[in-house]
Amino acid sequence: MAVKGAVLGDILGSQYEFDRPKNLDWKNVPLIDPGRIGEGFTDDSVMTLAIKKALIEGKDLVETMVEVGRQYPFSGYGGRFYHWINGNSHAPYNSWGNGSAMRVSFVGEFYEDYDEMQRMAEKTAAVSHNHPEGIKGAVVTATCIWMARHGKSKLELYDYVLSEYPKEQYEYSIGYSLDEIRPRYKWSESCQGSVPAAMRCFYESTDYESFIRNIYSLECDSDTFGAIAGGVAEEFYGGFGGVDAETILKEYLTEDLYDILVK
């Protein structure tokens, strides 16, 4: 389930979102440090699961995002999205933030038809993040999950992401290796600064754990990187390998969120 990969990526990545040590031994550090993980999940998981709930129950997308989102007011929403959730107006506000990409994983998992999947990915973005880059981030993320589910190779996924984020136009294009990105990466909450780099973390991985460790190697919006490409990694590798995903998900999600996850 791509949505499990995304939520697990959010939980594991949340440990290093804002206060990653400069000298972090990312190759060997425990995947979970109880002293750092705090609540565990963030708004990435909340909105991912809100979208899943809306789609499987046939409910209005915005109403469901607002309903679920208001139950978790301190999960880390960006300022404008916090007001989108908690205010009276739920109009889109031309955002290119990575929130559109971090919440879309279930779309790539749920739809078999390619065109329908892309249309729904755009729809889930456009309710708030209707800037072209916000929409692109969601569509690329869902499409990579769809491709992984349908047996496409890593090179095919790479070529697709590169076509959407070419090196000539994007400073963190998937075309740059992690060794090239690490010395110059600056923390970014944009889709264009997150989606291709997160997909590079997947591209250079060999299993789900090494994907997460690649995220740990960057000073980045690490929970959102995990949510963006975690579903791709889970689908491509056919699971989580030696990572005890079920125990982690059950321990750190609330009962309500876990119920949506496993429906």
C-alpha atoms as a PDB file:
ATOM      1  CA  MET A   1       0.000   0.000   0.000  1.00  0.00           C
ATOM      2  CA  ALA A   2       1.588   3.261  -1.137  1.00  0.00           C
ATOM      3  CA  VAL A   3      -0.297   5.152   1.545  1.00  0.00           C
ATOM      4  CA  LYS A   4       1.452   3.101   4.232  1.00  0.00           C
ATOM      5  CA  GLY A   5       4.814   3.918   2.677  1.00  0.00           C
ATOM      6  CA  ALA A   6       3.954   7.607   2.678  1.00  0.00           C
ATOM      7  CA  VAL A   7       2.715   7.689   6.273  1.00  0.00           C
ATOM      8  CA  LEU A   8       5.695   5.688   7.508  1.00  0.00           C
ATOM      9  CA  GLY A   9       7.990   8.064   5.632  1.00  0.00           C
ATOM     10  CA  ASP A  10       6.316  10.986   7.377  1.00  0.00           C
ATOM     11  CA  ILE A  11       6.721   9.406  10.815  1.00  0.00           C
ATOM     12  CA  LEU A  12      10.372   8.464  10.319  1.00  0.00           C
ATOM     13  CA  GLY A  13      11.273  11.700   8.577  1.00  0.00           C
ATOM     14  CA  SER A  14       9.625  13.876  11.228  1.00  0.00           C
ATOM     15  CA  GLN A  15      12.560  13.281  13.573  1.00  0.00           C
ATOM     16  CA  TYR A  16      14.859  15.477  11.484  1.00  0.00           C
ATOM     17  CA  GLU A  17      12.537  18.046   9.950  1.00  0.00           C
ATOM     18  CA  PHE A  18      13.823  21.089  11.828  1.00  0.00           C
ATOM     19  CA  ASP A  19      16.734  20.157  14.087  1.00  0.00           C
ATOM     20  CA  ARG A  20      18.836  17.644  12.215  1.00  0.00           C
ATOM     21  CA  PRO A  21      22.338  17.475  13.760  1.00  0.00           C
ATOM     22  CA  LYS A  22      25.046  18.730  11.399  1.00  0.00           C
ATOM     23  CA  ASN A  23      27.127  15.627  12.022  1.00  0.00           C
ATOM     24  CA  LEU A  24      24.283  13.104  11.820  1.00  0.00           C
ATOM     25  CA  ASP A  25      25.604   9.603  11.082  1.00  0.00           C
ATOM     26  CA  TRP A  26      22.763   9.005   8.643  1.00  0.00           C
ATOM     27  CA  LYS A  27      24.054   5.647   7.492  1.00  0.00           C
ATOM     28  CA  ASN A  28      23.965   4.100  10.964  1.00  0.00           C
ATOM     29  CA  VAL A  29      21.648   6.161  13.173  1.00  0.00           C
ATOM     30  CA  PRO A  30      18.650   4.162  14.493  1.00  0.00           C
ATOM     31  CA  LEU A  31      15.602   4.607  12.291  1.00  0.00           C
ATOM     32  CA  ILE A  32      13.650   5.706  15.336  1.00  0.00           C
ATOM     33  CA  ASP A  33      14.995   7.773  18.219  1.00  0.00           C
ATOM     34  CA  PRO A  34      12.259   7.928  20.898  1.00  0.00           C
ATOM     35  CA  GLY A  35      13.782  11.135  22.191  1.00  0.00           C
ATOM     36  CA  ARG A  36      13.246  12.895  18.867  1.00  0.00           C
ATOM     37  CA  ILE A  37      10.079  11.474  17.386  1.00  0.00           C
ATOM     38  CA  GLY A  38       7.569  13.251  19.630  1.00  0.00           C
ATOM     39  CA  GLU A  39       3.981  12.818  18.460  1.00  0.00           C
ATOM     40  CA  GLY A  40       5.224  10.822  15.486  1.00  0.00           C
ATOM     41  CA  PHE A  41       2.991  11.820  12.603  1.00  0.00           C
ATOM     42  CA  THR A  42       2.515  15.271  11.100  1.00  0.00           C
ATOM     43  CA  ASP A  43       0.032  17.090   8.887  1.00  0.00           C
ATOM     44  CA  ASP A  44       1.425  15.051   5.983  1.00  0.00           C
ATOM     45  CA  SER A  45      -0.181  11.892   7.378  1.00  0.00           C
ATOM     46  CA  VAL A  46      -3.356  13.692   8.449  1.00  0.00           C
ATOM     47  CA  MET A  47      -4.022  15.066   4.971  1.00  0.00           C
ATOM     48  CA  THR A  48      -2.921  11.870   3.225  1.00  0.00           C
ATOM     49  CA  LEU A  49      -5.476   9.929   5.235  1.00  0.00           C
ATOM     50  CA  ALA A  50      -8.152  12.602   4.834  1.00  0.00           C
ATOM     51  CA  ILE A  51      -7.864  12.228   1.062  1.00  0.00           C
ATOM     52  CA  LYS A  52      -8.039   8.455   1.364  1.00  0.00           C
ATOM     53  CA  LYS A  53     -11.176   8.746   3.500  1.00  0.00           C
ATOM     54  CA  ALA A  54     -12.824  11.068   0.991  1.00  0.00           C
ATOM     55  CA  LEU A  55     -12.081   8.789  -1.966  1.00  0.00           C
ATOM     56  CA  ILE A  56     -13.050   5.455  -0.442  1.00  0.00           C
ATOM     57  CA  GLU A  57     -16.204   6.851   1.163  1.00  0.00           C
ATOM     58  CA  GLY A  58     -17.221   8.965  -1.831  1.00  0.00           C
ATOM     59  CA  LYS A  59     -17.262  12.158   0.227  1.00  0.00           C
ATOM     60  CA  ASP A  60     -16.520  15.739  -0.742  1.00  0.00           C
ATOM     61  CA  LEU A  61     -12.776  16.278  -0.814  1.00  0.00           C
ATOM     62  CA  VAL A  62     -12.637  19.698   0.823  1.00  0.00           C
ATOM     63  CA  GLU A  63     -15.239  18.887   3.479  1.00  0.00           C
ATOM     64  CA  THR A  64     -13.355  15.742   4.460  1.00  0.00           C
ATOM     65  CA  MET A  65      -9.959  17.462   4.555  1.00  0.00           C
ATOM     66  CA  VAL A  66     -11.423  20.154   6.796  1.00  0.00           C
ATOM     67  CA  GLU A  67     -13.242  17.655   9.006  1.00  0.00           C
ATOM     68  CA  VAL A  68     -10.219  15.440   9.560  1.00  0.00           C
ATOM     69  CA  GLY A  69      -7.746  18.296   9.654  1.00  0.00           C
ATOM     70  CA  ARG A  70      -9.539  20.149  12.429  1.00  0.00           C
ATOM     71  CA  GLN A  71      -9.194  17.096  14.666  1.00  0.00           C
ATOM     72  CA  TYR A  72      -5.393  17.545  14.589  1.00  0.00           C
ATOM     73  CA  PRO A  73      -4.838  21.320  14.839  1.00  0.00           C
ATOM     74  CA  PHE A  74      -1.238  21.097  16.060  1.00  0.00           C
ATOM     75  CA  SER A  75       0.172  18.625  13.559  1.00  0.00           C
ATOM     76  CA  GLY A  76       2.360  21.133  11.737  1.00  0.00           C
ATOM     77  CA  TYR A  77       0.290  22.858   9.059  1.00  0.00           C
ATOM     78  CA  GLY A  78       1.864  25.745   7.198  1.00  0.00           C
ATOM     79  CA  GLY A  79       0.408  29.139   8.053  1.00  0.00           C
ATOM     80  CA  ARG A  80      -1.816  29.622   5.044  1.00  0.00           C
ATOM     81  CA  PHE A  81      -3.013  26.018   5.030  1.00  0.00           C
ATOM     82  CA  TYR A  82      -3.815  26.268   8.744  1.00  0.00           C
ATOM     83  CA  HIS A  83      -6.169  29.130   7.936  1.00  0.00           C
ATOM     84  CA  TRP A  84      -7.543  27.180   4.969  1.00  0.00           C
ATOM     85  CA  ILE A  85      -8.425  24.324   7.341  1.00  0.00           C
ATOM     86  CA  ASN A  86      -9.703  26.388  10.255  1.00  0.00           C
ATOM     87  CA  GLY A  87     -11.168  29.451   8.558  1.00  0.00           C
ATOM     88  CA  ASN A  88     -14.510  29.951   6.848  1.00  0.00           C
ATOM     89  CA  SER A  89     -13.126  30.184   3.320  1.00  0.00           C
ATOM     90  CA  HIS A  90     -11.640  27.147   1.652  1.00  0.00           C
ATOM     91  CA  ALA A  91     -10.712  28.791  -1.631  1.00  0.00           C
ATOM     92  CA  PRO A  92      -7.404  27.900  -3.299  1.00  0.00           C
ATOM     93  CA  TYR A  93      -4.586  30.362  -2.694  1.00  0.00           C
ATOM     94  CA  ASN A  94      -2.103  29.728  -5.534  1.00  0.00           C
ATOM     95  CA  SER A  95       0.386  27.794  -3.416  1.00  0.00           C
ATOM     96  CA  TRP A  96       3.395  25.942  -4.822  1.00  0.00           C
ATOM     97  CA  GLY A  97       4.133  24.412  -1.420  1.00  0.00           C
ATOM     98  CA  ASN A  98       4.991  20.733  -1.083  1.00  0.00           C
ATOM     99  CA  GLY A  99       1.738  20.074   0.793  1.00  0.00           C
ATOM    100  CA  SER A 100       0.058  19.105  -2.463  1.00  0.00           C
ATOM    101  CA  ALA A 101       2.637  16.380  -3.099  1.00  0.00           C
ATOM    102  CA  MET A 102       2.854  14.990   0.432  1.00  0.00           C
ATOM    103  CA  ARG A 103      -0.881  14.169   0.609  1.00  0.00           C
ATOM    104  CA  VAL A 104      -1.499  12.548  -2.788  1.00  0.00           C
ATOM    105  CA  SER A 105      -0.129   9.012  -2.365  1.00  0.00           C
ATOM    106  CA  PHE A 106      -3.496   7.259  -2.165  1.00  0.00           C
ATOM    107  CA  VAL A 107      -4.422   8.609  -5.596  1.00  0.00           C
ATOM    108  CA  GLY A 108      -1.492   6.768  -7.175  1.00  0.00           C
ATOM    109  CA  GLU A 109      -2.521   3.630  -5.317  1.00  0.00           C
ATOM    110  CA  PHE A 110      -6.271   3.804  -5.864  1.00  0.00           C
ATOM    111  CA  TYR A 111      -6.770   4.494  -9.564  1.00  0.00           C
ATOM    112  CA  GLU A 112      -5.996   1.975 -12.285  1.00  0.00           C
ATOM    113  CA  ASP A 113      -6.633   4.271 -15.232  1.00  0.00           C
ATOM    114  CA  TYR A 114      -3.649   6.533 -15.892  1.00  0.00           C
ATOM    115  CA  ASP A 115      -5.610   9.560 -17.054  1.00  0.00           C
ATOM    116  CA  GLU A 116      -8.102   9.313 -14.206  1.00  0.00           C
ATOM    117  CA  MET A 117      -5.246   9.070 -11.717  1.00  0.00           C
ATOM    118  CA  GLN A 118      -3.610  12.218 -13.078  1.00  0.00           C
ATOM    119  CA  ARG A 119      -6.886  14.136 -13.114  1.00  0.00           C
ATOM    120  CA  MET A 120      -7.596  13.227  -9.496  1.00  0.00           C
ATOM    121  CA  ALA A 121      -4.051  14.101  -8.438  1.00  0.00           C
ATOM    122  CA  GLU A 122      -4.569  17.533  -9.951  1.00  0.00           C
ATOM    123  CA  LYS A 123      -7.926  17.862  -8.206  1.00  0.00           C
ATOM    124  CA  THR A 124      -6.496  17.044  -4.768  1.00  0.00           C
ATOM    125  CA  ALA A 125      -3.851  19.713  -5.280  1.00  0.00           C
ATOM    126  CA  ALA A 126      -6.028  22.432  -6.766  1.00  0.00           C
ATOM    127  CA  VAL A 127      -8.378  22.749  -3.787  1.00  0.00           C
ATOM    128  CA  SER A 128      -5.608  24.781  -2.131  1.00  0.00           C
ATOM    129  CA  HIS A 129      -2.338  24.475  -4.074  1.00  0.00           C
ATOM    130  CA  ASN A 130      -3.494  25.619  -7.509  1.00  0.00           C
ATOM    131  CA  HIS A 131      -0.186  27.148  -8.617  1.00  0.00           C
ATOM    132  CA  PRO A 132       1.198  25.193 -11.629  1.00  0.00           C
ATOM    133  CA  GLU A 133       4.120  23.947  -9.527  1.00  0.00           C
ATOM    134  CA  GLY A 134       1.760  22.849  -6.749  1.00  0.00           C
ATOM    135  CA  ILE A 135      -0.299  20.881  -9.236  1.00  0.00           C
ATOM    136  CA  LYS A 136       2.783  19.440 -10.933  1.00  0.00           C
ATOM    137  CA  GLY A 137       4.171  18.203  -7.625  1.00  0.00           C
ATOM    138  CA  ALA A 138       1.013  16.244  -6.877  1.00  0.00           C
ATOM    139  CA  VAL A 139       0.700  14.816 -10.380  1.00  0.00           C
ATOM    140  CA  VAL A 140       4.349  13.730 -10.534  1.00  0.00           C
ATOM    141  CA  THR A 141       4.157  12.069  -7.115  1.00  0.00           C
ATOM    142  CA  ALA A 142       0.965  10.155  -7.886  1.00  0.00           C
ATOM    143  CA  THR A 143       2.274   9.175 -11.315  1.00  0.00           C
ATOM    144  CA  CYS A 144       5.505   7.769  -9.881  1.00  0.00           C
ATOM    145  CA  ILE A 145       3.480   5.640  -7.475  1.00  0.00           C
ATOM    146  CA  TRP A 146       1.253   4.482 -10.323  1.00  0.00           C
ATOM    147  CA  MET A 147       4.302   3.611 -12.428  1.00  0.00           C
ATOM    148  CA  ALA A 148       5.922   1.666  -9.578  1.00  0.00           C
ATOM    149  CA  ARG A 149       2.675  -0.254  -9.050  1.00  0.00           C
ATOM    150  CA  HIS A 150       2.600  -1.159 -12.715  1.00  0.00           C
ATOM    151  CA  GLY A 151       6.092  -2.586 -12.845  1.00  0.00           C
ATOM    152  CA  LYS A 152       7.982   0.294 -14.429  1.00  0.00           C
ATOM    153  CA  SER A 153      11.738   0.294 -13.964  1.00  0.00           C
ATOM    154  CA  LYS A 154      13.713   2.771 -11.895  1.00  0.00           C
ATOM    155  CA  LEU A 155      15.113   4.219 -15.095  1.00  0.00           C
ATOM    156  CA  GLU A 156      11.603   4.768 -16.442  1.00  0.00           C
ATOM    157  CA  LEU A 157      10.619   6.570 -13.249  1.00  0.00           C
ATOM    158  CA  TYR A 158      13.827   8.603 -13.396  1.00  0.00           C
ATOM    159  CA  ASP A 159      13.233   9.606 -17.009  1.00  0.00           C
ATOM    160  CA  TYR A 160       9.675  10.671 -16.230  1.00  0.00           C
ATOM    161  CA  VAL A 161      10.685  12.823 -13.255  1.00  0.00           C
ATOM    162  CA  LEU A 162      13.597  14.308 -15.223  1.00  0.00           C
ATOM    163  CA  SER A 163      11.227  15.274 -18.025  1.00  0.00           C
ATOM    164  CA  GLU A 164       9.105  17.196 -15.495  1.00  0.00           C
ATOM    165  CA  TYR A 165      12.045  18.659 -13.561  1.00  0.00           C
ATOM    166  CA  PRO A 166      14.917  19.101 -16.067  1.00  0.00           C
ATOM    167  CA  LYS A 167      18.358  20.095 -14.813  1.00  0.00           C
ATOM    168  CA  GLU A 168      18.329  23.275 -16.874  1.00  0.00           C
ATOM    169  CA  GLN A 169      15.335  24.641 -14.964  1.00  0.00           C
ATOM    170  CA  TYR A 170      15.390  23.077 -11.478  1.00  0.00           C
ATOM    171  CA  GLU A 171      18.308  23.363  -9.073  1.00  0.00           C
ATOM    172  CA  TYR A 172      17.385  20.103  -7.305  1.00  0.00           C
ATOM    173  CA  SER A 173      16.431  18.111 -10.383  1.00  0.00           C
ATOM    174  CA  ILE A 174      16.485  14.335 -10.071  1.00  0.00           C
ATOM    175  CA  GLY A 175      19.276  14.592 -12.637  1.00  0.00           C
ATOM    176  CA  TYR A 176      21.667  15.647  -9.867  1.00  0.00           C
ATOM    177  CA  SER A 177      23.085  12.930  -7.627  1.00  0.00           C
ATOM    178  CA  LEU A 178      22.683  13.148  -3.863  1.00  0.00           C
ATOM    179  CA  ASP A 179      26.439  13.725  -3.610  1.00  0.00           C
ATOM    180  CA  GLU A 180      25.955  16.808  -5.792  1.00  0.00           C
ATOM    181  CA  ILE A 181      22.875  18.001  -3.931  1.00  0.00           C
ATOM    182  CA  ARG A 182      24.030  17.558  -0.313  1.00  0.00           C
ATOM    183  CA  PRO A 183      26.620  20.382  -0.141  1.00  0.00           C
ATOM    184  CA  ARG A 184      24.258  22.986  -1.609  1.00  0.00           C
ATOM    185  CA  TYR A 185      20.771  21.911  -0.603  1.00  0.00           C
ATOM    186  CA  LYS A 186      18.784  24.544   1.291  1.00  0.00           C
ATOM    187  CA  TRP A 187      15.686  23.558   3.266  1.00  0.00           C
ATOM    188  CA  SER A 188      12.684  24.142   1.018  1.00  0.00           C
ATOM    189  CA  GLU A 189       8.943  23.815   1.466  1.00  0.00           C
ATOM    190  CA  SER A 190       8.238  24.156  -2.258  1.00  0.00           C
ATOM    191  CA  CYS A 191       7.210  21.354  -4.578  1.00  0.00           C
ATOM    192  CA  GLN A 192      10.022  22.217  -6.958  1.00  0.00           C
ATOM    193  CA  GLY A 193      12.539  22.084  -4.117  1.00  0.00           C
ATOM    194  CA  SER A 194      11.180  18.852  -2.668  1.00  0.00           C
ATOM    195  CA  VAL A 195       9.642  16.478  -5.208  1.00  0.00           C
ATOM    196  CA  PRO A 196      12.633  15.853  -7.528  1.00  0.00           C
ATOM    197  CA  ALA A 197      15.091  15.623  -4.624  1.00  0.00           C
ATOM    198  CA  ALA A 198      12.814  13.213  -2.743  1.00  0.00           C
ATOM    199  CA  MET A 199      12.551  11.082  -5.861  1.00  0.00           C
ATOM    200  CA  ARG A 200      16.353  11.110  -6.111  1.00  0.00           C
ATOM    201  CA  CYS A 201      16.439   9.703  -2.560  1.00  0.00           C
ATOM    202  CA  PHE A 202      14.308   6.856  -3.860  1.00  0.00           C
ATOM    203  CA  TYR A 203      16.326   6.472  -7.069  1.00  0.00           C
ATOM    204  CA  GLU A 204      19.583   5.976  -5.183  1.00  0.00           C
ATOM    205  CA  SER A 205      18.057   3.527  -2.682  1.00  0.00           C
ATOM    206  CA  THR A 206      18.154  -0.259  -2.657  1.00  0.00           C
ATOM    207  CA  ASP A 207      15.237  -0.837  -0.269  1.00  0.00           C
ATOM    208  CA  TYR A 208      12.842   1.149   1.901  1.00  0.00           C
ATOM    209  CA  GLU A 209      15.328   1.617   4.733  1.00  0.00           C
ATOM    210  CA  SER A 210      18.076   2.955   2.486  1.00  0.00           C
ATOM    211  CA  PHE A 211      15.542   5.350   0.967  1.00  0.00           C
ATOM    212  CA  ILE A 212      14.828   6.750   4.435  1.00  0.00           C
ATOM    213  CA  ARG A 213      18.542   6.999   5.184  1.00  0.00           C
ATOM    214  CA  ASN A 214      19.059   8.942   1.969  1.00  0.00           C
ATOM    215  CA  ILE A 215      16.521  11.446   3.284  1.00  0.00           C
ATOM    216  CA  TYR A 216      18.383  11.607   6.599  1.00  0.00           C
ATOM    217  CA  SER A 217      21.493  12.554   4.611  1.00  0.00           C
ATOM    218  CA  LEU A 218      19.952  15.883   3.574  1.00  0.00           C
ATOM    219  CA  GLU A 219      19.078  18.930   5.654  1.00  0.00           C
ATOM    220  CA  CYS A 220      15.577  18.985   4.219  1.00  0.00           C
ATOM    221  CA  ASP A 221      11.856  18.957   4.947  1.00  0.00           C
ATOM    222  CA  SER A 222      12.440  15.334   5.837  1.00  0.00           C
ATOM    223  CA  ASP A 223       8.945  14.263   6.905  1.00  0.00           C
ATOM    224  CA  THR A 224       7.540  15.580   3.643  1.00  0.00           C
ATOM    225  CA  PHE A 225      10.305  13.937   1.596  1.00  0.00           C
ATOM    226  CA  GLY A 226       9.277  10.687   3.279  1.00  0.00           C
ATOM    227  CA  ALA A 227       5.610  11.249   2.507  1.00  0.00           C
ATOM    228  CA  ILE A 228       6.301  12.228  -1.117  1.00  0.00           C
ATOM    229  CA  ALA A 229       8.501   9.318  -2.135  1.00  0.00           C
ATOM    230  CA  GLY A 230       7.654   6.791   0.578  1.00  0.00           C
ATOM    231  CA  GLY A 231       4.744   5.431  -1.414  1.00  0.00           C
ATOM    232  CA  VAL A 232       6.968   5.028  -4.462  1.00  0.00           C
ATOM    233  CA  ALA A 233       9.580   3.127  -2.441  1.00  0.00           C
ATOM    234  CA  GLU A 234       6.990   0.854  -0.839  1.00  0.00           C
ATOM    235  CA  GLU A 235       5.346   0.012  -4.164  1.00  0.00           C
ATOM    236  CA  PHE A 236       8.623  -0.444  -6.043  1.00  0.00           C
ATOM    237  CA  TYR A 237      10.235  -2.694  -3.427  1.00  0.00           C
ATOM    238  CA  GLY A 238       7.007  -4.535  -2.640  1.00  0.00           C
ATOM    239  CA  GLY A 239       7.075  -3.722   1.054  1.00  0.00           C
ATOM    240  CA  PHE A 240       9.366  -2.490   3.785  1.00  0.00           C
ATOM    241  CA  GLY A 241      12.030  -5.173   4.000  1.00  0.00           C
ATOM    242  CA  GLY A 242      13.445  -5.318   7.506  1.00  0.00           C
ATOM    243  CA  VAL A 243      11.596  -2.224   8.724  1.00  0.00           C
ATOM    244  CA  ASP A 244       8.797  -3.200  11.121  1.00  0.00           C
ATOM    245  CA  ALA A 245       6.298  -0.874   9.491  1.00  0.00           C
ATOM    246  CA  GLU A 246       3.162  -2.313  11.069  1.00  0.00           C
ATOM    247  CA  THR A 247       4.437  -1.879  14.617  1.00  0.00           C
ATOM    248  CA  ILE A 248       5.569   1.693  13.961  1.00  0.00           C
ATOM    249  CA  LEU A 249       2.320   2.698  12.260  1.00  0.00           C
ATOM    250  CA  LYS A 250       0.184   1.201  14.996  1.00  0.00           C
ATOM    251  CA  GLU A 251       2.262   2.778  17.751  1.00  0.00           C
ATOM    252  CA  TYR A 252       2.433   6.318  16.434  1.00  0.00           C
ATOM    253  CA  LEU A 253      -0.899   6.880  14.664  1.00  0.00           C
ATOM    254  CA  THR A 254      -4.064   7.649  16.605  1.00  0.00           C
ATOM    255  CA  GLU A 255      -6.758   4.998  16.525  1.00  0.00           C
ATOM    256  CA  ASP A 256      -8.871   7.075  14.161  1.00  0.00           C
ATOM    257  CA  LEU A 257      -6.035   7.648  11.675  1.00  0.00           C
ATOM    258  CA  TYR A 258      -4.947   4.016  11.838  1.00  0.00           C
ATOM    259  CA  ASP A 259      -8.500   2.904  11.068  1.00  0.00           C
ATOM    260  CA  ILE A 260      -8.478   5.008   7.891  1.00  0.00           C
ATOM    261  CA  LEU A 261      -5.034   3.676   6.966  1.00  0.00           C
ATOM    262  CA  VAL A 262      -6.051   0.013   7.082  1.00  0.00           C
ATOM    263  CA  LYS A 263      -9.515   0.319   5.515  1.00  0.00           C
END
